[in-house]
Amino acid sequence: MRVRARPRPPGVTGRTCIIVDDVLTTGATLAEAARALRAAGAVVCGAVVVAATRPPAISDAGAPSPAMAGEKGRRVKK
């Protein structure tokens, strides 16, 4: 990613920015957006996401899905 140059001020140099993303999966998009903004001189003070996913892991094979967060420890019989 890169910040597009504007033909006239104001740019992002010295400006405080908050990154907004729709879904957080690995964090790679947020990290790259922060890197690009900082490279352009912005001050990144945080990020906001609407939803987050939990990446699959081998150790989570038997864990309940995030949709069952209120059902802690319960398993659904098939």
N, C-alpha and C. Protein backbone atom coordinates (compact mmCIF):
# COMPACT_ATOMS: atom_id res chain seq x y z
N MET A 1 0.84 -1.18 0.00
CA MET A 1 0.00 0.00 0.00
C MET A 1 0.88 1.24 0.00
N ARG A 2 0.29 2.31 -0.47
CA ARG A 2 0.96 3.60 -0.39
C ARG A 2 -0.09 4.69 -0.27
N VAL A 3 0.30 5.80 0.30
CA VAL A 3 -0.58 6.95 0.42
C VAL A 3 -0.43 7.75 -0.86
N ARG A 4 -1.54 8.04 -1.53
CA ARG A 4 -1.47 8.83 -2.76
C ARG A 4 -1.13 10.27 -2.43
N ALA A 5 -0.24 10.83 -3.22
CA ALA A 5 0.12 12.24 -3.06
C ALA A 5 -1.02 13.11 -3.57
N ARG A 6 -1.30 14.15 -2.84
CA ARG A 6 -2.33 15.10 -3.27
C ARG A 6 -1.65 16.27 -3.93
N PRO A 7 -2.31 16.88 -4.89
CA PRO A 7 -1.70 18.02 -5.57
C PRO A 7 -1.56 19.26 -4.69
N ARG A 8 -2.35 19.31 -3.63
CA ARG A 8 -2.27 20.45 -2.71
C ARG A 8 -2.50 19.98 -1.28
N PRO A 9 -2.03 20.73 -0.31
CA PRO A 9 -2.25 20.36 1.09
C PRO A 9 -3.75 20.35 1.39
N PRO A 10 -4.23 19.71 2.42
CA PRO A 10 -3.44 19.04 3.44
C PRO A 10 -3.16 17.59 3.09
N GLY A 11 -1.97 17.14 3.40
CA GLY A 11 -1.61 15.75 3.27
C GLY A 11 -1.78 15.08 4.62
N VAL A 12 -1.13 13.95 4.81
CA VAL A 12 -1.24 13.25 6.09
C VAL A 12 -0.07 13.55 7.02
N THR A 13 0.94 14.24 6.53
CA THR A 13 2.11 14.51 7.36
C THR A 13 1.72 15.22 8.65
N GLY A 14 2.07 14.58 9.78
CA GLY A 14 1.80 15.14 11.09
C GLY A 14 0.37 14.97 11.57
N ARG A 15 -0.49 14.41 10.75
CA ARG A 15 -1.89 14.24 11.14
C ARG A 15 -2.09 12.94 11.91
N THR A 16 -2.98 12.96 12.87
CA THR A 16 -3.32 11.78 13.65
C THR A 16 -4.35 10.97 12.87
N CYS A 17 -4.10 9.68 12.73
CA CYS A 17 -4.99 8.81 11.95
C CYS A 17 -5.44 7.60 12.77
N ILE A 18 -6.66 7.17 12.51
CA ILE A 18 -7.18 5.91 13.03
C ILE A 18 -7.55 5.08 11.81
N ILE A 19 -7.06 3.86 11.76
CA ILE A 19 -7.33 2.97 10.64
C ILE A 19 -8.64 2.24 10.91
N VAL A 20 -9.52 2.17 9.91
CA VAL A 20 -10.80 1.48 10.03
C VAL A 20 -10.80 0.33 9.03
N ASP A 21 -11.12 -0.87 9.50
CA ASP A 21 -11.17 -2.06 8.64
C ASP A 21 -12.46 -2.80 8.93
N ASP A 22 -12.98 -3.50 7.92
CA ASP A 22 -14.24 -4.21 8.13
C ASP A 22 -14.06 -5.52 8.90
N VAL A 23 -13.06 -6.31 8.52
CA VAL A 23 -12.84 -7.61 9.17
C VAL A 23 -11.36 -7.81 9.46
N LEU A 24 -11.04 -8.17 10.67
CA LEU A 24 -9.67 -8.47 11.06
C LEU A 24 -9.48 -9.98 11.01
N THR A 25 -8.54 -10.41 10.18
CA THR A 25 -8.25 -11.84 10.10
C THR A 25 -6.87 -12.09 10.68
N THR A 26 -5.83 -11.70 9.94
CA THR A 26 -4.46 -11.91 10.43
C THR A 26 -3.83 -10.63 10.94
N GLY A 27 -4.40 -9.50 10.59
CA GLY A 27 -3.81 -8.22 10.97
C GLY A 27 -2.86 -7.66 9.92
N ALA A 28 -2.64 -8.42 8.84
CA ALA A 28 -1.69 -7.99 7.81
C ALA A 28 -2.13 -6.70 7.13
N THR A 29 -3.42 -6.54 6.85
CA THR A 29 -3.91 -5.33 6.20
C THR A 29 -3.73 -4.12 7.10
N LEU A 30 -4.07 -4.27 8.38
CA LEU A 30 -3.89 -3.16 9.33
C LEU A 30 -2.42 -2.79 9.46
N ALA A 31 -1.56 -3.79 9.55
CA ALA A 31 -0.13 -3.52 9.68
C ALA A 31 0.40 -2.79 8.46
N GLU A 32 -0.02 -3.20 7.27
CA GLU A 32 0.45 -2.56 6.05
C GLU A 32 -0.10 -1.14 5.92
N ALA A 33 -1.35 -0.94 6.29
CA ALA A 33 -1.93 0.41 6.26
C ALA A 33 -1.19 1.33 7.22
N ALA A 34 -0.88 0.84 8.41
CA ALA A 34 -0.14 1.62 9.39
C ALA A 34 1.26 1.96 8.87
N ARG A 35 1.90 0.97 8.25
CA ARG A 35 3.23 1.20 7.70
C ARG A 35 3.21 2.28 6.62
N ALA A 36 2.22 2.20 5.71
CA ALA A 36 2.12 3.18 4.62
C ALA A 36 1.82 4.57 5.15
N LEU A 37 0.92 4.66 6.13
CA LEU A 37 0.60 5.97 6.70
C LEU A 37 1.81 6.57 7.43
N ARG A 38 2.51 5.75 8.20
CA ARG A 38 3.70 6.25 8.90
C ARG A 38 4.78 6.69 7.92
N ALA A 39 4.94 5.92 6.83
CA ALA A 39 5.93 6.28 5.82
C ALA A 39 5.60 7.62 5.17
N ALA A 40 4.30 7.96 5.13
CA ALA A 40 3.87 9.24 4.55
C ALA A 40 3.89 10.36 5.59
N GLY A 41 4.28 10.03 6.84
CA GLY A 41 4.40 11.05 7.87
C GLY A 41 3.23 11.16 8.82
N ALA A 42 2.25 10.28 8.70
CA ALA A 42 1.10 10.32 9.60
C ALA A 42 1.45 9.73 10.95
N VAL A 43 0.65 10.08 11.95
CA VAL A 43 0.78 9.52 13.29
C VAL A 43 -0.40 8.57 13.47
N VAL A 44 -0.14 7.28 13.45
CA VAL A 44 -1.21 6.29 13.60
C VAL A 44 -1.41 6.05 15.09
N CYS A 45 -2.60 6.35 15.58
CA CYS A 45 -2.85 6.20 17.02
C CYS A 45 -3.70 4.98 17.35
N GLY A 46 -4.20 4.27 16.33
CA GLY A 46 -4.98 3.09 16.63
C GLY A 46 -5.72 2.57 15.42
N ALA A 47 -6.52 1.55 15.66
CA ALA A 47 -7.32 0.94 14.61
C ALA A 47 -8.64 0.46 15.18
N VAL A 48 -9.64 0.43 14.33
CA VAL A 48 -10.97 -0.04 14.70
C VAL A 48 -11.39 -1.07 13.67
N VAL A 49 -11.94 -2.19 14.13
CA VAL A 49 -12.46 -3.20 13.21
C VAL A 49 -13.91 -3.50 13.58
N VAL A 50 -14.70 -3.84 12.58
CA VAL A 50 -16.11 -4.15 12.80
C VAL A 50 -16.26 -5.58 13.30
N ALA A 51 -15.47 -6.49 12.74
CA ALA A 51 -15.57 -7.90 13.12
C ALA A 51 -14.18 -8.52 13.07
N ALA A 52 -13.99 -9.57 13.84
CA ALA A 52 -12.71 -10.27 13.84
C ALA A 52 -12.96 -11.76 13.71
N THR A 53 -12.08 -12.42 12.99
CA THR A 53 -12.16 -13.87 12.87
C THR A 53 -11.01 -14.48 13.64
N ARG A 54 -11.19 -15.71 14.04
CA ARG A 54 -10.11 -16.42 14.69
C ARG A 54 -9.55 -17.39 13.67
N PRO A 55 -8.27 -17.23 13.32
CA PRO A 55 -7.71 -18.14 12.32
C PRO A 55 -7.73 -19.58 12.83
N PRO A 56 -7.95 -20.54 11.92
CA PRO A 56 -7.97 -21.93 12.35
C PRO A 56 -6.61 -22.38 12.87
N ALA A 57 -6.64 -23.20 13.87
CA ALA A 57 -5.40 -23.74 14.43
C ALA A 57 -5.62 -25.22 14.69
N ILE A 58 -4.58 -25.98 14.60
CA ILE A 58 -4.68 -27.43 14.81
C ILE A 58 -5.20 -27.73 16.22
N SER A 59 -4.76 -26.95 17.20
CA SER A 59 -5.17 -27.21 18.58
C SER A 59 -6.62 -26.84 18.83
N ASP A 60 -7.26 -26.11 17.90
CA ASP A 60 -8.65 -25.70 18.07
C ASP A 60 -9.63 -26.67 17.41
N ALA A 61 -9.17 -27.81 16.94
CA ALA A 61 -10.02 -28.72 16.19
C ALA A 61 -11.28 -29.12 16.95
N GLY A 62 -11.21 -29.29 18.25
CA GLY A 62 -12.38 -29.69 19.01
C GLY A 62 -13.06 -28.56 19.75
N ALA A 63 -12.57 -27.35 19.58
CA ALA A 63 -13.13 -26.21 20.31
C ALA A 63 -14.45 -25.78 19.69
N PRO A 64 -15.36 -25.26 20.51
CA PRO A 64 -16.61 -24.76 19.96
C PRO A 64 -16.35 -23.55 19.07
N SER A 65 -17.25 -23.31 18.12
CA SER A 65 -17.09 -22.19 17.20
C SER A 65 -17.30 -20.88 17.95
N PRO A 66 -16.76 -19.75 17.41
CA PRO A 66 -16.96 -18.46 18.05
C PRO A 66 -18.44 -18.10 18.17
N ALA A 67 -19.28 -18.62 17.27
CA ALA A 67 -20.71 -18.34 17.33
C ALA A 67 -21.35 -18.90 18.59
N MET A 68 -20.67 -19.84 19.23
CA MET A 68 -21.19 -20.45 20.45
C MET A 68 -20.47 -19.91 21.68
N ALA A 69 -20.01 -18.68 21.61
CA ALA A 69 -19.23 -18.10 22.71
C ALA A 69 -19.98 -18.16 24.04
N GLY A 70 -21.30 -18.01 24.01
CA GLY A 70 -22.08 -18.07 25.23
C GLY A 70 -22.28 -19.49 25.73
N GLU A 71 -21.92 -20.45 24.93
CA GLU A 71 -22.10 -21.87 25.26
C GLU A 71 -20.77 -22.46 25.68
N LYS A 72 -20.04 -21.79 26.52
CA LYS A 72 -18.69 -22.18 26.90
C LYS A 72 -18.61 -23.64 27.34
N GLY A 73 -17.76 -24.38 26.65
CA GLY A 73 -17.52 -25.74 27.04
C GLY A 73 -18.52 -26.76 26.52
N ARG A 74 -19.64 -26.33 26.00
CA ARG A 74 -20.64 -27.27 25.48
C ARG A 74 -20.31 -27.67 24.07
N ARG A 75 -20.56 -28.91 23.75
CA ARG A 75 -20.34 -29.40 22.40
C ARG A 75 -21.68 -29.86 21.82
N VAL A 76 -21.81 -29.67 20.53
CA VAL A 76 -23.06 -30.05 19.85
C VAL A 76 -22.89 -31.46 19.32
N LYS A 77 -23.86 -32.34 19.63
CA LYS A 77 -23.82 -33.70 19.12
C LYS A 77 -24.31 -33.70 17.68
N LYS A 78 -23.67 -34.55 16.88
CA LYS A 78 -24.07 -34.65 15.47
C LYS A 78 -24.91 -35.87 15.25
